[in-house]
PDB file of N, CA and C in Angstrom:
ATOM      1  N   MET A   1      31.973  20.486   0.393  1.00  0.00           N
ATOM      2  CA  MET A   1      30.727  20.373  -0.336  1.00  0.00           C
ATOM      3  C   MET A   1      30.310  18.915  -0.491  1.00  0.00           C
ATOM      4  N   GLN A   2      31.247  18.036  -0.758  1.00  0.00           N
ATOM      5  CA  GLN A   2      30.956  16.606  -0.911  1.00  0.00           C
ATOM      6  C   GLN A   2      30.350  16.030   0.363  1.00  0.00           C
ATOM      7  N   ASN A   3      30.904  16.448   1.512  1.00  0.00           N
ATOM      8  CA  ASN A   3      30.402  15.952   2.796  1.00  0.00           C
ATOM      9  C   ASN A   3      28.945  16.366   3.010  1.00  0.00           C
ATOM     10  N   LEU A   4      28.608  17.597   2.648  1.00  0.00           N
ATOM     11  CA  LEU A   4      27.236  18.086   2.790  1.00  0.00           C
ATOM     12  C   LEU A   4      26.286  17.284   1.901  1.00  0.00           C
ATOM     13  N   ALA A   5      26.718  16.996   0.679  1.00  0.00           N
ATOM     14  CA  ALA A   5      25.890  16.202  -0.231  1.00  0.00           C
ATOM     15  C   ALA A   5      25.684  14.800   0.327  1.00  0.00           C
ATOM     16  N   THR A   6      26.719  14.216   0.881  1.00  0.00           N
ATOM     17  CA  THR A   6      26.619  12.879   1.464  1.00  0.00           C
ATOM     18  C   THR A   6      25.636  12.876   2.633  1.00  0.00           C
ATOM     19  N   GLU A   7      25.704  13.901   3.473  1.00  0.00           N
ATOM     20  CA  GLU A   7      24.770  14.001   4.604  1.00  0.00           C
ATOM     21  C   GLU A   7      23.333  14.109   4.116  1.00  0.00           C
ATOM     22  N   GLN A   8      23.114  14.851   3.046  1.00  0.00           N
ATOM     23  CA  GLN A   8      21.763  15.005   2.505  1.00  0.00           C
ATOM     24  C   GLN A   8      21.248  13.687   1.929  1.00  0.00           C
ATOM     25  N   VAL A   9      22.106  12.951   1.264  1.00  0.00           N
ATOM     26  CA  VAL A   9      21.719  11.649   0.721  1.00  0.00           C
ATOM     27  C   VAL A   9      21.347  10.706   1.860  1.00  0.00           C
ATOM     28  N   VAL A  10      22.123  10.686   2.905  1.00  0.00           N
ATOM     29  CA  VAL A  10      21.831   9.841   4.068  1.00  0.00           C
ATOM     30  C   VAL A  10      20.494  10.246   4.675  1.00  0.00           C
ATOM     31  N   ARG A  11      20.258  11.538   4.807  1.00  0.00           N
ATOM     32  CA  ARG A  11      18.996  12.019   5.386  1.00  0.00           C
ATOM     33  C   ARG A  11      17.811  11.608   4.505  1.00  0.00           C
ATOM     34  N   LEU A  12      17.943  11.778   3.191  1.00  0.00           N
ATOM     35  CA  LEU A  12      16.856  11.398   2.285  1.00  0.00           C
ATOM     36  C   LEU A  12      16.576   9.899   2.328  1.00  0.00           C
ATOM     37  N   ARG A  13      17.610   9.102   2.412  1.00  0.00           N
ATOM     38  CA  ARG A  13      17.421   7.644   2.500  1.00  0.00           C
ATOM     39  C   ARG A  13      16.736   7.265   3.805  1.00  0.00           C
ATOM     40  N   ASN A  14      17.093   7.945   4.886  1.00  0.00           N
ATOM     41  CA  ASN A  14      16.438   7.692   6.173  1.00  0.00           C
ATOM     42  C   ASN A  14      14.961   8.060   6.113  1.00  0.00           C
ATOM     43  N   VAL A  15      14.648   9.186   5.506  1.00  0.00           N
ATOM     44  CA  VAL A  15      13.257   9.603   5.374  1.00  0.00           C
ATOM     45  C   VAL A  15      12.477   8.571   4.569  1.00  0.00           C
ATOM     46  N   ARG A  16      13.055   8.135   3.465  1.00  0.00           N
ATOM     47  CA  ARG A  16      12.380   7.143   2.625  1.00  0.00           C
ATOM     48  C   ARG A  16      12.151   5.840   3.391  1.00  0.00           C
ATOM     49  N   ARG A  17      13.150   5.380   4.107  1.00  0.00           N
ATOM     50  CA  ARG A  17      13.027   4.134   4.875  1.00  0.00           C
ATOM     51  C   ARG A  17      11.953   4.271   5.952  1.00  0.00           C
ATOM     52  N   ASN A  18      11.943   5.393   6.652  1.00  0.00           N
ATOM     53  CA  ASN A  18      10.947   5.605   7.708  1.00  0.00           C
ATOM     54  C   ASN A  18       9.542   5.734   7.136  1.00  0.00           C
ATOM     55  N   LEU A  19       9.404   6.460   6.036  1.00  0.00           N
ATOM     56  CA  LEU A  19       8.088   6.574   5.402  1.00  0.00           C
ATOM     57  C   LEU A  19       7.575   5.217   4.935  1.00  0.00           C
ATOM     58  N   THR A  20       8.441   4.453   4.342  1.00  0.00           N
ATOM     59  CA  THR A  20       8.052   3.124   3.879  1.00  0.00           C
ATOM     60  C   THR A  20       7.578   2.271   5.048  1.00  0.00           C
ATOM     61  N   ALA A  21       8.297   2.313   6.154  1.00  0.00           N
ATOM     62  CA  ALA A  21       7.923   1.527   7.331  1.00  0.00           C
ATOM     63  C   ALA A  21       6.546   1.924   7.841  1.00  0.00           C
ATOM     64  N   VAL A  22       6.260   3.209   7.852  1.00  0.00           N
ATOM     65  CA  VAL A  22       4.953   3.674   8.319  1.00  0.00           C
ATOM     66  C   VAL A  22       3.868   3.313   7.310  1.00  0.00           C
ATOM     67  N   LEU A  23       4.127   3.575   6.038  1.00  0.00           N
ATOM     68  CA  LEU A  23       3.105   3.333   5.011  1.00  0.00           C
ATOM     69  C   LEU A  23       2.740   1.863   4.878  1.00  0.00           C
ATOM     70  N   LEU A  24       3.664   0.981   5.156  1.00  0.00           N
ATOM     71  CA  LEU A  24       3.362  -0.448   5.101  1.00  0.00           C
ATOM     72  C   LEU A  24       2.337  -0.855   6.150  1.00  0.00           C
ATOM     73  N   ASN A  25       2.235  -0.051   7.208  1.00  0.00           N
ATOM     74  CA  ASN A  25       1.310  -0.364   8.295  1.00  0.00           C
ATOM     75  C   ASN A  25      -0.015   0.381   8.224  1.00  0.00           C
ATOM     76  N   LEU A  26      -0.163   1.265   7.248  1.00  0.00           N
ATOM     77  CA  LEU A  26      -1.396   2.037   7.149  1.00  0.00           C
ATOM     78  C   LEU A  26      -2.239   1.558   5.974  1.00  0.00           C
ATOM     79  N   PRO A  27      -3.532   1.453   6.176  1.00  0.00           N
ATOM     80  CA  PRO A  27      -4.415   1.011   5.096  1.00  0.00           C
ATOM     81  C   PRO A  27      -4.789   2.174   4.170  1.00  0.00           C
ATOM     82  N   ILE A  28      -3.789   2.714   3.477  1.00  0.00           N
ATOM     83  CA  ILE A  28      -4.044   3.829   2.574  1.00  0.00           C
ATOM     84  C   ILE A  28      -3.493   3.500   1.193  1.00  0.00           C
ATOM     85  N   ASN A  29      -4.045   4.170   0.215  1.00  0.00           N
ATOM     86  CA  ASN A  29      -3.532   4.045  -1.140  1.00  0.00           C
ATOM     87  C   ASN A  29      -2.456   5.111  -1.305  1.00  0.00           C
ATOM     88  N   THR A  30      -1.204   4.697  -1.342  1.00  0.00           N
ATOM     89  CA  THR A  30      -0.096   5.646  -1.385  1.00  0.00           C
ATOM     90  C   THR A  30      -0.078   6.480  -2.656  1.00  0.00           C
ATOM     91  N   ARG A  31      -0.712   6.001  -3.705  1.00  0.00           N
ATOM     92  CA  ARG A  31      -0.743   6.758  -4.965  1.00  0.00           C
ATOM     93  C   ARG A  31      -1.816   7.850  -4.950  1.00  0.00           C
ATOM     94  N   GLU A  32      -2.732   7.772  -3.992  1.00  0.00           N
ATOM     95  CA  GLU A  32      -3.817   8.750  -3.926  1.00  0.00           C
ATOM     96  C   GLU A  32      -3.756   9.634  -2.681  1.00  0.00           C
ATOM     97  N   THR A  33      -2.782   9.423  -1.825  1.00  0.00           N
ATOM     98  CA  THR A  33      -2.669  10.202  -0.593  1.00  0.00           C
ATOM     99  C   THR A  33      -1.734  11.383  -0.821  1.00  0.00           C
ATOM    100  N   THR A  34      -2.208  12.569  -0.476  1.00  0.00           N
ATOM    101  CA  THR A  34      -1.368  13.757  -0.645  1.00  0.00           C
ATOM    102  C   THR A  34      -0.362  13.863   0.496  1.00  0.00           C
ATOM    103  N   VAL A  35       0.660  14.641   0.278  1.00  0.00           N
ATOM    104  CA  VAL A  35       1.654  14.883   1.324  1.00  0.00           C
ATOM    105  C   VAL A  35       0.983  15.558   2.516  1.00  0.00           C
ATOM    106  N   ALA A  36       0.093  16.486   2.254  1.00  0.00           N
ATOM    107  CA  ALA A  36      -0.604  17.185   3.339  1.00  0.00           C
ATOM    108  C   ALA A  36      -1.402  16.210   4.197  1.00  0.00           C
ATOM    109  N   THR A  37      -2.086  15.269   3.553  1.00  0.00           N
ATOM    110  CA  THR A  37      -2.856  14.261   4.291  1.00  0.00           C
ATOM    111  C   THR A  37      -1.923  13.371   5.104  1.00  0.00           C
ATOM    112  N   LEU A  38      -0.818  12.969   4.515  1.00  0.00           N
ATOM    113  CA  LEU A  38       0.145  12.137   5.229  1.00  0.00           C
ATOM    114  C   LEU A  38       0.693  12.857   6.455  1.00  0.00           C
ATOM    115  N   ILE A  39       1.013  14.125   6.316  1.00  0.00           N
ATOM    116  CA  ILE A  39       1.517  14.901   7.458  1.00  0.00           C
ATOM    117  C   ILE A  39       0.456  15.009   8.543  1.00  0.00           C
ATOM    118  N   GLU A  40      -0.795  15.232   8.138  1.00  0.00           N
ATOM    119  CA  GLU A  40      -1.893  15.264   9.120  1.00  0.00           C
ATOM    120  C   GLU A  40      -1.989  13.945   9.871  1.00  0.00           C
ATOM    121  N   MET A  41      -1.888  12.848   9.131  1.00  0.00           N
ATOM    122  CA  MET A  41      -1.958  11.528   9.762  1.00  0.00           C
ATOM    123  C   MET A  41      -0.794  11.319  10.730  1.00  0.00           C
ATOM    124  N   LEU A  42       0.402  11.692  10.320  1.00  0.00           N
ATOM    125  CA  LEU A  42       1.567  11.541  11.193  1.00  0.00           C
ATOM    126  C   LEU A  42       1.420  12.392  12.453  1.00  0.00           C
ATOM    127  N   ASP A  43       0.920  13.615  12.290  1.00  0.00           N
ATOM    128  CA  ASP A  43       0.674  14.476  13.456  1.00  0.00           C
ATOM    129  C   ASP A  43      -0.347  13.838  14.391  1.00  0.00           C
ATOM    130  N   HIS A  44      -1.415  13.317  13.809  1.00  0.00           N
ATOM    131  CA  HIS A  44      -2.458  12.680  14.626  1.00  0.00           C
ATOM    132  C   HIS A  44      -1.888  11.482  15.388  1.00  0.00           C
ATOM    133  N   PHE A  45      -1.183  10.609  14.673  1.00  0.00           N
ATOM    134  CA  PHE A  45      -0.658   9.406  15.322  1.00  0.00           C
ATOM    135  C   PHE A  45       0.426   9.721  16.343  1.00  0.00           C
ATOM    136  N   SER A  46       1.181  10.797  16.135  1.00  0.00           N
ATOM    137  CA  SER A  46       2.183  11.148  17.150  1.00  0.00           C
ATOM    138  C   SER A  46       1.515  11.720  18.394  1.00  0.00           C
ATOM    139  N   GLU A  47       0.357  12.358  18.190  1.00  0.00           N
ATOM    140  CA  GLU A  47      -0.392  12.880  19.331  1.00  0.00           C
ATOM    141  C   GLU A  47      -1.215  11.793  20.020  1.00  0.00           C
ATOM    142  N   TYR A  48      -1.676  10.820  19.230  1.00  0.00           N
ATOM    143  CA  TYR A  48      -2.493   9.720  19.744  1.00  0.00           C
ATOM    144  C   TYR A  48      -1.882   8.382  19.307  1.00  0.00           C
ATOM    145  N   PRO A  49      -0.759   8.008  19.886  1.00  0.00           N
ATOM    146  CA  PRO A  49      -0.070   6.778  19.452  1.00  0.00           C
ATOM    147  C   PRO A  49      -0.917   5.519  19.623  1.00  0.00           C
ATOM    148  N   LYS A  50      -1.862   5.553  20.549  1.00  0.00           N
ATOM    149  CA  LYS A  50      -2.726   4.396  20.748  1.00  0.00           C
ATOM    150  C   LYS A  50      -3.535   4.109  19.479  1.00  0.00           C
ATOM    151  N   ASP A  51      -3.969   5.161  18.781  1.00  0.00           N
ATOM    152  CA  ASP A  51      -4.701   4.983  17.526  1.00  0.00           C
ATOM    153  C   ASP A  51      -3.854   4.237  16.507  1.00  0.00           C
ATOM    154  N   TYR A  52      -2.584   4.622  16.402  1.00  0.00           N
ATOM    155  CA  TYR A  52      -1.683   3.956  15.454  1.00  0.00           C
ATOM    156  C   TYR A  52      -1.472   2.493  15.831  1.00  0.00           C
ATOM    157  N   LEU A  53      -1.266   2.265  17.111  1.00  0.00           N
ATOM    158  CA  LEU A  53      -1.055   0.888  17.573  1.00  0.00           C
ATOM    159  C   LEU A  53      -2.287   0.027  17.330  1.00  0.00           C
ATOM    160  N   GLU A  54      -3.471   0.574  17.591  1.00  0.00           N
ATOM    161  CA  GLU A  54      -4.704  -0.173  17.335  1.00  0.00           C
ATOM    162  C   GLU A  54      -4.872  -0.462  15.846  1.00  0.00           C
ATOM    163  N   LEU A  55      -4.607   0.524  15.029  1.00  0.00           N
ATOM    164  CA  LEU A  55      -4.741   0.359  13.580  1.00  0.00           C
ATOM    165  C   LEU A  55      -3.752  -0.676  13.047  1.00  0.00           C
ATOM    166  N   THR A  56      -2.526  -0.604  13.474  1.00  0.00           N
ATOM    167  CA  THR A  56      -1.522  -1.563  12.981  1.00  0.00           C
ATOM    168  C   THR A  56      -1.778  -2.947  13.558  1.00  0.00           C
ATOM    169  N   HIS A  57      -2.292  -3.016  14.759  1.00  0.00           N
ATOM    170  CA  HIS A  57      -2.603  -4.315  15.356  1.00  0.00           C
ATOM    171  C   HIS A  57      -3.707  -5.003  14.561  1.00  0.00           C
ATOM    172  N   VAL A  58      -4.743  -4.247  14.215  1.00  0.00           N
ATOM    173  CA  VAL A  58      -5.850  -4.806  13.429  1.00  0.00           C
ATOM    174  C   VAL A  58      -5.343  -5.250  12.063  1.00  0.00           C
ATOM    175  N   LYS A  59      -4.550  -4.411  11.407  1.00  0.00           N
ATOM    176  CA  LYS A  59      -4.035  -4.754  10.076  1.00  0.00           C
ATOM    177  C   LYS A  59      -3.150  -5.997  10.147  1.00  0.00           C
ATOM    178  N   ASN A  60      -2.262  -6.062  11.118  1.00  0.00           N
ATOM    179  CA  ASN A  60      -1.363  -7.210  11.237  1.00  0.00           C
ATOM    180  C   ASN A  60      -2.117  -8.473  11.612  1.00  0.00           C
ATOM    181  N   ARG A  61      -3.170  -8.333  12.393  1.00  0.00           N
ATOM    182  CA  ARG A  61      -3.961  -9.494  12.790  1.00  0.00           C
ATOM    183  C   ARG A  61      -4.712 -10.063  11.586  1.00  0.00           C
ATOM    184  N   THR A  62      -5.189  -9.179  10.695  1.00  0.00           N
ATOM    185  CA  THR A  62      -5.949  -9.672   9.543  1.00  0.00           C
ATOM    186  C   THR A  62      -5.051 -10.220   8.445  1.00  0.00           C
ATOM    187  N   THR A  63      -3.768  -9.846   8.438  1.00  0.00           N
ATOM    188  CA  THR A  63      -2.861 -10.353   7.409  1.00  0.00           C
ATOM    189  C   THR A  63      -2.069 -11.570   7.882  1.00  0.00           C
ATOM    190  N   SER A  64      -2.164 -11.871   9.152  1.00  0.00           N
ATOM    191  CA  SER A  64      -1.408 -13.009   9.702  1.00  0.00           C
ATOM    192  C   SER A  64      -2.137 -14.310   9.494  1.00  0.00           C
TER     193      SER A  64
END
């Protein structure tokens, strides 16, 4: 049972780290974005990765 709990903690930490990495690159208000909207965005960007790259390129260019 302990091993299963440890695996779940590792999985949750990975999800949090990955979400944070993505959210840092998106121009959204994380306090006002629903989970459903976030999933839609992730689906869109996985289907159209060029959109994500263009969006992050513009954001990084304006913050540099």
